[in-house]
PDB file of N, CA and C in Angstrom:
ATOM      1  N   MET A   1     -86.904-103.604 -41.221  1.00  0.00           N
ATOM      2  CA  MET A   1     -85.543-103.766 -40.995  1.00  0.00           C
ATOM      3  C   MET A   1     -84.838-102.589 -41.437  1.00  0.00           C
ATOM      4  N   GLU A   2     -83.843-102.129 -40.780  1.00  0.00           N
ATOM      5  CA  GLU A   2     -83.007-100.977 -41.083  1.00  0.00           C
ATOM      6  C   GLU A   2     -82.304-101.269 -42.458  1.00  0.00           C
ATOM      7  N   ASN A   3     -81.893-100.097 -43.015  1.00  0.00           N
ATOM      8  CA  ASN A   3     -81.171-100.364 -44.326  1.00  0.00           C
ATOM      9  C   ASN A   3     -79.788-100.886 -44.033  1.00  0.00           C
ATOM     10  N   PHE A   4     -79.213-101.385 -45.060  1.00  0.00           N
ATOM     11  CA  PHE A   4     -77.841-102.098 -44.890  1.00  0.00           C
ATOM     12  C   PHE A   4     -76.901-101.079 -44.524  1.00  0.00           C
ATOM     13  N   ASN A   5     -76.903 -99.960 -44.800  1.00  0.00           N
ATOM     14  CA  ASN A   5     -75.804 -98.851 -44.416  1.00  0.00           C
ATOM     15  C   ASN A   5     -75.977 -98.443 -42.961  1.00  0.00           C
ATOM     16  N   GLU A   6     -77.278 -98.502 -42.516  1.00  0.00           N
ATOM     17  CA  GLU A   6     -77.464 -98.298 -41.087  1.00  0.00           C
ATOM     18  C   GLU A   6     -76.974 -99.324 -40.135  1.00  0.00           C
ATOM     19  N   ILE A   7     -77.178-100.508 -40.600  1.00  0.00           N
ATOM     20  CA  ILE A   7     -76.728-101.743 -39.929  1.00  0.00           C
ATOM     21  C   ILE A   7     -75.274-101.752 -39.790  1.00  0.00           C
ATOM     22  N   ILE A   8     -74.584-101.625 -40.894  1.00  0.00           N
ATOM     23  CA  ILE A   8     -73.078-101.739 -40.848  1.00  0.00           C
ATOM     24  C   ILE A   8     -72.454-100.452 -40.148  1.00  0.00           C
ATOM     25  N   ALA A   9     -73.212 -99.433 -40.026  1.00  0.00           N
ATOM     26  CA  ALA A   9     -72.658 -98.209 -39.439  1.00  0.00           C
ATOM     27  C   ALA A   9     -72.686 -98.271 -37.871  1.00  0.00           C
ATOM     28  N   SER A  10     -73.310 -99.303 -37.318  1.00  0.00           N
ATOM     29  CA  SER A  10     -73.371 -99.574 -35.856  1.00  0.00           C
ATOM     30  C   SER A  10     -72.106 -99.862 -35.317  1.00  0.00           C
ATOM     31  N   GLU A  11     -71.993 -99.531 -33.893  1.00  0.00           N
ATOM     32  CA  GLU A  11     -70.690 -99.902 -33.226  1.00  0.00           C
ATOM     33  C   GLU A  11     -70.656-101.382 -33.039  1.00  0.00           C
ATOM     34  N   GLN A  12     -71.899-102.196 -33.169  1.00  0.00           N
ATOM     35  CA  GLN A  12     -71.935-103.516 -32.942  1.00  0.00           C
ATOM     36  C   GLN A  12     -71.263-104.174 -34.028  1.00  0.00           C
ATOM     37  N   LEU A  13     -70.307-105.197 -33.834  1.00  0.00           N
ATOM     38  CA  LEU A  13     -69.797-106.111 -34.831  1.00  0.00           C
ATOM     39  C   LEU A  13     -70.777-106.658 -35.679  1.00  0.00           C
ATOM     40  N   THR A  14     -70.837-106.520 -37.044  1.00  0.00           N
ATOM     41  CA  THR A  14     -71.883-107.161 -37.983  1.00  0.00           C
ATOM     42  C   THR A  14     -71.165-107.985 -38.938  1.00  0.00           C
ATOM     43  N   LEU A  15     -71.708-109.309 -38.846  1.00  0.00           N
ATOM     44  CA  LEU A  15     -71.150-110.224 -39.956  1.00  0.00           C
ATOM     45  C   LEU A  15     -72.276-110.352 -41.054  1.00  0.00           C
ATOM     46  N   VAL A  16     -71.868-110.004 -42.200  1.00  0.00           N
ATOM     47  CA  VAL A  16     -72.709-110.159 -43.335  1.00  0.00           C
ATOM     48  C   VAL A  16     -72.399-111.305 -44.266  1.00  0.00           C
ATOM     49  N   ASP A  17     -73.341-112.142 -44.455  1.00  0.00           N
ATOM     50  CA  ASP A  17     -73.273-113.305 -45.296  1.00  0.00           C
ATOM     51  C   ASP A  17     -73.987-113.028 -46.647  1.00  0.00           C
ATOM     52  N   PHE A  18     -73.217-112.810 -47.658  1.00  0.00           N
ATOM     53  CA  PHE A  18     -73.737-112.731 -48.970  1.00  0.00           C
ATOM     54  C   PHE A  18     -73.911-114.024 -49.498  1.00  0.00           C
ATOM     55  N   PHE A  19     -75.137-114.551 -49.919  1.00  0.00           N
ATOM     56  CA  PHE A  19     -75.436-115.829 -50.169  1.00  0.00           C
ATOM     57  C   PHE A  19     -76.331-115.961 -51.377  1.00  0.00           C
ATOM     58  N   ALA A  20     -76.498-117.208 -51.930  1.00  0.00           N
ATOM     59  CA  ALA A  20     -77.624-117.442 -52.936  1.00  0.00           C
ATOM     60  C   ALA A  20     -78.305-118.792 -52.511  1.00  0.00           C
ATOM     61  N   THR A  21     -79.488-118.700 -52.780  1.00  0.00           N
ATOM     62  CA  THR A  21     -80.360-119.970 -52.336  1.00  0.00           C
ATOM     63  C   THR A  21     -79.969-121.199 -53.084  1.00  0.00           C
ATOM     64  N   TRP A  22     -79.345-121.091 -54.312  1.00  0.00           N
ATOM     65  CA  TRP A  22     -78.924-122.279 -55.106  1.00  0.00           C
ATOM     66  C   TRP A  22     -77.587-122.782 -54.875  1.00  0.00           C
ATOM     67  N   CYS A  23     -76.735-121.986 -53.927  1.00  0.00           N
ATOM     68  CA  CYS A  23     -75.390-122.285 -53.688  1.00  0.00           C
ATOM     69  C   CYS A  23     -75.296-123.282 -52.617  1.00  0.00           C
ATOM     70  N   GLY A  24     -74.591-124.432 -52.963  1.00  0.00           N
ATOM     71  CA  GLY A  24     -74.319-125.507 -52.104  1.00  0.00           C
ATOM     72  C   GLY A  24     -73.504-124.999 -50.815  1.00  0.00           C
ATOM     73  N   PRO A  25     -72.341-124.425 -51.009  1.00  0.00           N
ATOM     74  CA  PRO A  25     -71.569-124.019 -49.834  1.00  0.00           C
ATOM     75  C   PRO A  25     -72.319-123.016 -48.981  1.00  0.00           C
ATOM     76  N   CYS A  26     -73.133-122.135 -49.547  1.00  0.00           N
ATOM     77  CA  CYS A  26     -73.970-121.212 -48.826  1.00  0.00           C
ATOM     78  C   CYS A  26     -74.977-122.023 -47.811  1.00  0.00           C
ATOM     79  N   LYS A  27     -75.465-123.144 -48.347  1.00  0.00           N
ATOM     80  CA  LYS A  27     -76.256-123.926 -47.514  1.00  0.00           C
ATOM     81  C   LYS A  27     -75.546-124.558 -46.398  1.00  0.00           C
ATOM     82  N   MET A  28     -74.203-124.847 -46.592  1.00  0.00           N
ATOM     83  CA  MET A  28     -73.474-125.415 -45.544  1.00  0.00           C
ATOM     84  C   MET A  28     -73.044-124.457 -44.584  1.00  0.00           C
ATOM     85  N   MET A  29     -73.222-123.151 -44.877  1.00  0.00           N
ATOM     86  CA  MET A  29     -72.852-122.140 -43.881  1.00  0.00           C
ATOM     87  C   MET A  29     -73.902-121.828 -42.978  1.00  0.00           C
ATOM     88  N   HIS A  30     -75.116-122.123 -43.402  1.00  0.00           N
ATOM     89  CA  HIS A  30     -76.447-121.781 -42.557  1.00  0.00           C
ATOM     90  C   HIS A  30     -76.211-122.348 -41.138  1.00  0.00           C
ATOM     91  N   PRO A  31     -75.942-123.659 -40.911  1.00  0.00           N
ATOM     92  CA  PRO A  31     -75.898-124.180 -39.450  1.00  0.00           C
ATOM     93  C   PRO A  31     -74.633-123.585 -38.865  1.00  0.00           C
ATOM     94  N   VAL A  32     -73.585-123.196 -39.615  1.00  0.00           N
ATOM     95  CA  VAL A  32     -72.464-122.684 -38.973  1.00  0.00           C
ATOM     96  C   VAL A  32     -72.796-121.301 -38.354  1.00  0.00           C
ATOM     97  N   LEU A  33     -73.468-120.429 -39.140  1.00  0.00           N
ATOM     98  CA  LEU A  33     -73.890-119.124 -38.667  1.00  0.00           C
ATOM     99  C   LEU A  33     -74.872-119.224 -37.499  1.00  0.00           C
ATOM    100  N   GLU A  34     -75.759-120.216 -37.515  1.00  0.00           N
ATOM    101  CA  GLU A  34     -76.609-120.397 -36.359  1.00  0.00           C
ATOM    102  C   GLU A  34     -75.939-120.771 -35.096  1.00  0.00           C
ATOM    103  N   GLN A  35     -74.951-121.613 -35.208  1.00  0.00           N
ATOM    104  CA  GLN A  35     -74.006-121.942 -34.073  1.00  0.00           C
ATOM    105  C   GLN A  35     -73.449-120.851 -33.668  1.00  0.00           C
ATOM    106  N   LEU A  36     -72.701-120.021 -34.509  1.00  0.00           N
ATOM    107  CA  LEU A  36     -72.029-118.874 -34.044  1.00  0.00           C
ATOM    108  C   LEU A  36     -72.876-117.970 -33.260  1.00  0.00           C
ATOM    109  N   LYS A  37     -74.051-117.626 -33.882  1.00  0.00           N
ATOM    110  CA  LYS A  37     -75.000-116.898 -33.138  1.00  0.00           C
ATOM    111  C   LYS A  37     -75.375-117.327 -31.716  1.00  0.00           C
ATOM    112  N   ALA A  38     -75.514-118.717 -31.643  1.00  0.00           N
ATOM    113  CA  ALA A  38     -75.830-119.357 -30.393  1.00  0.00           C
ATOM    114  C   ALA A  38     -74.742-119.179 -29.399  1.00  0.00           C
ATOM    115  N   GLU A  39     -73.535-119.316 -29.800  1.00  0.00           N
ATOM    116  CA  GLU A  39     -72.410-119.274 -28.987  1.00  0.00           C
ATOM    117  C   GLU A  39     -71.984-117.818 -28.601  1.00  0.00           C
ATOM    118  N   MET A  40     -72.179-116.853 -29.512  1.00  0.00           N
ATOM    119  CA  MET A  40     -71.613-115.439 -29.302  1.00  0.00           C
ATOM    120  C   MET A  40     -72.690-114.454 -28.864  1.00  0.00           C
ATOM    121  N   GLY A  41     -74.016-114.822 -29.028  1.00  0.00           N
ATOM    122  CA  GLY A  41     -75.086-114.152 -28.627  1.00  0.00           C
ATOM    123  C   GLY A  41     -75.087-112.653 -29.253  1.00  0.00           C
ATOM    124  N   ASP A  42     -75.258-111.696 -28.410  1.00  0.00           N
ATOM    125  CA  ASP A  42     -75.322-110.257 -28.990  1.00  0.00           C
ATOM    126  C   ASP A  42     -73.898-109.645 -29.252  1.00  0.00           C
ATOM    127  N   ALA A  43     -72.864-110.434 -29.112  1.00  0.00           N
ATOM    128  CA  ALA A  43     -71.522-109.948 -29.375  1.00  0.00           C
ATOM    129  C   ALA A  43     -71.360-109.650 -30.983  1.00  0.00           C
ATOM    130  N   VAL A  44     -72.215-110.338 -31.646  1.00  0.00           N
ATOM    131  CA  VAL A  44     -72.067-110.067 -33.152  1.00  0.00           C
ATOM    132  C   VAL A  44     -73.419-110.146 -33.686  1.00  0.00           C
ATOM    133  N   ARG A  45     -73.804-109.251 -34.588  1.00  0.00           N
ATOM    134  CA  ARG A  45     -75.014-109.309 -35.381  1.00  0.00           C
ATOM    135  C   ARG A  45     -74.742-109.919 -36.653  1.00  0.00           C
ATOM    136  N   ILE A  46     -75.594-110.821 -37.077  1.00  0.00           N
ATOM    137  CA  ILE A  46     -75.465-111.725 -38.292  1.00  0.00           C
ATOM    138  C   ILE A  46     -76.569-111.385 -39.297  1.00  0.00           C
ATOM    139  N   ILE A  47     -76.294-110.760 -40.467  1.00  0.00           N
ATOM    140  CA  ILE A  47     -77.345-110.658 -41.387  1.00  0.00           C
ATOM    141  C   ILE A  47     -77.123-111.390 -42.674  1.00  0.00           C
ATOM    142  N   LYS A  48     -78.024-111.852 -43.451  1.00  0.00           N
ATOM    143  CA  LYS A  48     -77.841-112.527 -44.679  1.00  0.00           C
ATOM    144  C   LYS A  48     -78.436-111.701 -45.746  1.00  0.00           C
ATOM    145  N   ILE A  49     -77.614-111.657 -46.767  1.00  0.00           N
ATOM    146  CA  ILE A  49     -77.984-110.804 -47.998  1.00  0.00           C
ATOM    147  C   ILE A  49     -78.053-111.810 -49.268  1.00  0.00           C
ATOM    148  N   ASP A  50     -79.262-111.929 -49.857  1.00  0.00           N
ATOM    149  CA  ASP A  50     -79.426-112.803 -50.948  1.00  0.00           C
ATOM    150  C   ASP A  50     -78.887-111.904 -52.167  1.00  0.00           C
ATOM    151  N   VAL A  51     -77.859-112.517 -52.791  1.00  0.00           N
ATOM    152  CA  VAL A  51     -77.264-111.697 -53.876  1.00  0.00           C
ATOM    153  C   VAL A  51     -78.190-111.606 -55.066  1.00  0.00           C
ATOM    154  N   ASP A  52     -79.157-112.549 -55.313  1.00  0.00           N
ATOM    155  CA  ASP A  52     -80.028-112.507 -56.417  1.00  0.00           C
ATOM    156  C   ASP A  52     -81.205-111.410 -56.264  1.00  0.00           C
ATOM    157  N   LYS A  53     -81.336-111.002 -55.006  1.00  0.00           N
ATOM    158  CA  LYS A  53     -82.380-109.965 -54.766  1.00  0.00           C
ATOM    159  C   LYS A  53     -81.783-108.657 -54.415  1.00  0.00           C
ATOM    160  N   ASN A  54     -80.478-108.541 -54.319  1.00  0.00           N
ATOM    161  CA  ASN A  54     -79.848-107.336 -53.969  1.00  0.00           C
ATOM    162  C   ASN A  54     -78.704-107.030 -54.862  1.00  0.00           C
ATOM    163  N   GLU A  55     -78.864-107.125 -56.074  1.00  0.00           N
ATOM    164  CA  GLU A  55     -77.924-106.961 -57.151  1.00  0.00           C
ATOM    165  C   GLU A  55     -76.979-105.703 -56.982  1.00  0.00           C
ATOM    166  N   ALA A  56     -77.650-104.512 -56.773  1.00  0.00           N
ATOM    167  CA  ALA A  56     -76.938-103.179 -56.762  1.00  0.00           C
ATOM    168  C   ALA A  56     -75.991-103.286 -55.431  1.00  0.00           C
ATOM    169  N   LEU A  57     -76.430-103.687 -54.390  1.00  0.00           N
ATOM    170  CA  LEU A  57     -75.668-103.696 -53.235  1.00  0.00           C
ATOM    171  C   LEU A  57     -74.515-104.676 -53.377  1.00  0.00           C
ATOM    172  N   CYS A  58     -74.624-105.838 -54.011  1.00  0.00           N
ATOM    173  CA  CYS A  58     -73.659-106.663 -54.302  1.00  0.00           C
ATOM    174  C   CYS A  58     -72.663-106.105 -55.220  1.00  0.00           C
ATOM    175  N   ASN A  59     -73.138-105.259 -56.216  1.00  0.00           N
ATOM    176  CA  ASN A  59     -72.050-104.581 -57.091  1.00  0.00           C
ATOM    177  C   ASN A  59     -71.234-103.629 -56.319  1.00  0.00           C
ATOM    178  N   ASP A  60     -71.932-103.005 -55.389  1.00  0.00           N
ATOM    179  CA  ASP A  60     -71.188-101.979 -54.673  1.00  0.00           C
ATOM    180  C   ASP A  60     -70.057-102.561 -53.766  1.00  0.00           C
ATOM    181  N   TYR A  61     -70.233-103.799 -53.388  1.00  0.00           N
ATOM    182  CA  TYR A  61     -69.263-104.416 -52.516  1.00  0.00           C
ATOM    183  C   TYR A  61     -68.363-105.457 -53.409  1.00  0.00           C
ATOM    184  N   ARG A  62     -68.629-105.483 -54.686  1.00  0.00           N
ATOM    185  CA  ARG A  62     -67.925-106.243 -55.675  1.00  0.00           C
ATOM    186  C   ARG A  62     -67.973-107.776 -55.169  1.00  0.00           C
ATOM    187  N   ILE A  63     -69.139-108.161 -54.949  1.00  0.00           N
ATOM    188  CA  ILE A  63     -69.440-109.622 -54.588  1.00  0.00           C
ATOM    189  C   ILE A  63     -69.446-110.421 -55.907  1.00  0.00           C
ATOM    190  N   GLN A  64     -68.385-111.356 -55.994  1.00  0.00           N
ATOM    191  CA  GLN A  64     -68.254-111.973 -57.234  1.00  0.00           C
ATOM    192  C   GLN A  64     -68.499-113.487 -57.009  1.00  0.00           C
ATOM    193  N   SER A  65     -68.408-113.924 -55.664  1.00  0.00           N
ATOM    194  CA  SER A  65     -68.661-115.401 -55.540  1.00  0.00           C
ATOM    195  C   SER A  65     -69.420-115.583 -54.196  1.00  0.00           C
ATOM    196  N   VAL A  66     -70.110-116.652 -54.161  1.00  0.00           N
ATOM    197  CA  VAL A  66     -70.832-116.817 -52.891  1.00  0.00           C
ATOM    198  C   VAL A  66     -70.534-118.226 -52.231  1.00  0.00           C
ATOM    199  N   PRO A  67     -70.449-118.344 -50.895  1.00  0.00           N
ATOM    200  CA  PRO A  67     -70.805-117.258 -50.074  1.00  0.00           C
ATOM    201  C   PRO A  67     -69.561-116.344 -49.855  1.00  0.00           C
ATOM    202  N   THR A  68     -69.930-115.007 -49.601  1.00  0.00           N
ATOM    203  CA  THR A  68     -68.770-114.023 -49.264  1.00  0.00           C
ATOM    204  C   THR A  68     -69.239-113.638 -47.954  1.00  0.00           C
ATOM    205  N   LEU A  69     -68.455-113.705 -46.939  1.00  0.00           N
ATOM    206  CA  LEU A  69     -68.576-113.223 -45.626  1.00  0.00           C
ATOM    207  C   LEU A  69     -67.767-111.855 -45.426  1.00  0.00           C
ATOM    208  N   MET A  70     -68.283-110.896 -44.709  1.00  0.00           N
ATOM    209  CA  MET A  70     -67.728-109.649 -44.406  1.00  0.00           C
ATOM    210  C   MET A  70     -68.097-109.308 -43.031  1.00  0.00           C
ATOM    211  N   LEU A  71     -67.104-108.668 -42.218  1.00  0.00           N
ATOM    212  CA  LEU A  71     -67.414-108.081 -40.873  1.00  0.00           C
ATOM    213  C   LEU A  71     -67.197-106.587 -41.102  1.00  0.00           C
ATOM    214  N   PHE A  72     -68.227-105.904 -40.427  1.00  0.00           N
ATOM    215  CA  PHE A  72     -68.207-104.454 -40.426  1.00  0.00           C
ATOM    216  C   PHE A  72     -68.338-103.998 -38.864  1.00  0.00           C
ATOM    217  N   ARG A  73     -67.851-102.805 -38.793  1.00  0.00           N
ATOM    218  CA  ARG A  73     -68.167-101.933 -37.500  1.00  0.00           C
ATOM    219  C   ARG A  73     -67.971-100.561 -37.853  1.00  0.00           C
ATOM    220  N   ASN A  74     -68.869 -99.713 -37.382  1.00  0.00           N
ATOM    221  CA  ASN A  74     -68.847 -98.184 -37.747  1.00  0.00           C
ATOM    222  C   ASN A  74     -68.745 -97.926 -39.195  1.00  0.00           C
ATOM    223  N   GLY A  75     -69.297 -98.833 -39.991  1.00  0.00           N
ATOM    224  CA  GLY A  75     -69.423 -98.468 -41.498  1.00  0.00           C
ATOM    225  C   GLY A  75     -68.009 -99.122 -42.166  1.00  0.00           C
ATOM    226  N   GLN A  76     -67.102 -99.534 -41.330  1.00  0.00           N
ATOM    227  CA  GLN A  76     -65.874 -99.961 -42.071  1.00  0.00           C
ATOM    228  C   GLN A  76     -65.763-101.442 -42.100  1.00  0.00           C
ATOM    229  N   SER A  77     -65.166-101.815 -43.341  1.00  0.00           N
ATOM    230  CA  SER A  77     -65.082-103.275 -43.646  1.00  0.00           C
ATOM    231  C   SER A  77     -63.801-103.655 -42.811  1.00  0.00           C
ATOM    232  N   LEU A  78     -63.854-104.786 -41.909  1.00  0.00           N
ATOM    233  CA  LEU A  78     -62.787-105.214 -41.174  1.00  0.00           C
ATOM    234  C   LEU A  78     -62.196-106.534 -41.638  1.00  0.00           C
ATOM    235  N   TRP A  79     -63.030-107.281 -42.430  1.00  0.00           N
ATOM    236  CA  TRP A  79     -62.490-108.529 -42.872  1.00  0.00           C
ATOM    237  C   TRP A  79     -63.495-109.009 -44.041  1.00  0.00           C
ATOM    238  N   ARG A  80     -62.886-109.885 -44.901  1.00  0.00           N
ATOM    239  CA  ARG A  80     -63.760-110.342 -45.923  1.00  0.00           C
ATOM    240  C   ARG A  80     -63.119-111.617 -46.393  1.00  0.00           C
ATOM    241  N   GLN A  81     -63.922-112.690 -46.698  1.00  0.00           N
ATOM    242  CA  GLN A  81     -63.540-113.800 -47.244  1.00  0.00           C
ATOM    243  C   GLN A  81     -64.689-114.584 -48.071  1.00  0.00           C
ATOM    244  N   SER A  82     -64.210-115.183 -49.155  1.00  0.00           N
ATOM    245  CA  SER A  82     -65.265-116.005 -50.036  1.00  0.00           C
ATOM    246  C   SER A  82     -65.137-117.472 -49.580  1.00  0.00           C
ATOM    247  N   GLY A  83     -66.147-118.193 -49.741  1.00  0.00           N
ATOM    248  CA  GLY A  83     -66.113-119.514 -49.407  1.00  0.00           C
ATOM    249  C   GLY A  83     -66.638-119.917 -48.034  1.00  0.00           C
ATOM    250  N   ALA A  84     -66.902-121.260 -47.926  1.00  0.00           N
ATOM    251  CA  ALA A  84     -67.393-121.751 -46.627  1.00  0.00           C
ATOM    252  C   ALA A  84     -66.291-121.816 -45.537  1.00  0.00           C
ATOM    253  N   LEU A  85     -66.732-121.621 -44.302  1.00  0.00           N
ATOM    254  CA  LEU A  85     -65.771-121.801 -43.289  1.00  0.00           C
ATOM    255  C   LEU A  85     -66.307-122.622 -42.128  1.00  0.00           C
ATOM    256  N   ALA A  86     -65.428-123.330 -41.474  1.00  0.00           N
ATOM    257  CA  ALA A  86     -65.783-124.161 -40.339  1.00  0.00           C
ATOM    258  C   ALA A  86     -66.015-123.238 -39.124  1.00  0.00           C
ATOM    259  N   ILE A  87     -66.905-123.599 -38.184  1.00  0.00           N
ATOM    260  CA  ILE A  87     -67.304-122.938 -37.069  1.00  0.00           C
ATOM    261  C   ILE A  87     -66.190-122.288 -36.324  1.00  0.00           C
ATOM    262  N   ASN A  88     -65.128-123.224 -36.072  1.00  0.00           N
ATOM    263  CA  ASN A  88     -63.929-122.716 -35.240  1.00  0.00           C
ATOM    264  C   ASN A  88     -63.168-121.594 -35.935  1.00  0.00           C
ATOM    265  N   ASP A  89     -63.032-121.819 -37.304  1.00  0.00           N
ATOM    266  CA  ASP A  89     -62.288-120.749 -37.882  1.00  0.00           C
ATOM    267  C   ASP A  89     -63.001-119.290 -37.938  1.00  0.00           C
ATOM    268  N   LEU A  90     -64.342-119.481 -38.194  1.00  0.00           N
ATOM    269  CA  LEU A  90     -65.116-118.248 -38.131  1.00  0.00           C
ATOM    270  C   LEU A  90     -65.285-117.726 -36.936  1.00  0.00           C
ATOM    271  N   LYS A  91     -65.341-118.466 -35.791  1.00  0.00           N
ATOM    272  CA  LYS A  91     -65.486-117.853 -34.433  1.00  0.00           C
ATOM    273  C   LYS A  91     -64.129-117.199 -34.064  1.00  0.00           C
ATOM    274  N   ARG A  92     -63.137-117.735 -34.421  1.00  0.00           N
ATOM    275  CA  ARG A  92     -61.722-117.184 -34.240  1.00  0.00           C
ATOM    276  C   ARG A  92     -61.559-115.864 -34.905  1.00  0.00           C
ATOM    277  N   ILE A  93     -62.015-115.736 -36.142  1.00  0.00           N
ATOM    278  CA  ILE A  93     -61.960-114.458 -36.852  1.00  0.00           C
ATOM    279  C   ILE A  93     -62.880-113.534 -36.166  1.00  0.00           C
ATOM    280  N   VAL A  94     -64.059-113.714 -35.784  1.00  0.00           N
ATOM    281  CA  VAL A  94     -65.025-112.789 -35.195  1.00  0.00           C
ATOM    282  C   VAL A  94     -64.391-112.270 -33.886  1.00  0.00           C
ATOM    283  N   GLU A  95     -63.921-113.314 -33.110  1.00  0.00           N
ATOM    284  CA  GLU A  95     -63.344-112.955 -31.740  1.00  0.00           C
ATOM    285  C   GLU A  95     -62.158-111.898 -31.816  1.00  0.00           C
ATOM    286  N   GLN A  96     -61.227-112.045 -32.972  1.00  0.00           N
ATOM    287  CA  GLN A  96     -60.251-111.131 -33.213  1.00  0.00           C
ATOM    288  C   GLN A  96     -60.713-109.768 -33.501  1.00  0.00           C
ATOM    289  N   HIS A  97     -61.997-109.542 -33.784  1.00  0.00           N
ATOM    290  CA  HIS A  97     -62.447-108.148 -34.013  1.00  0.00           C
ATOM    291  C   HIS A  97     -63.400-107.659 -32.989  1.00  0.00           C
ATOM    292  N   LEU A  98     -63.657-108.468 -31.890  1.00  0.00           N
ATOM    293  CA  LEU A  98     -64.504-107.837 -30.768  1.00  0.00           C
ATOM    294  C   LEU A  98     -63.801-106.710 -29.984  1.00  0.00           C
TER     295      LEU A  98
END
């Protein structure tokens, strides 16, 4: 897999899910992200970052709660929110940045 900075530097819209395996709301987001990918296909790239295995990266982005979702394009952060989201809300946010 490419490194994180290469991934977010892409022109393709990238949704990053900072999560933890022990986090209940993170587990709720898994099917939401799968549905988003099924509905939006290659319009958005979705990657998951385990906060417990990527502490330095999480410190760089000041991840203080999970799940934290961020949208990137061309290395720029376009949107960020902590907490679980419903599919319709997340899809609307992603579509605003396409």
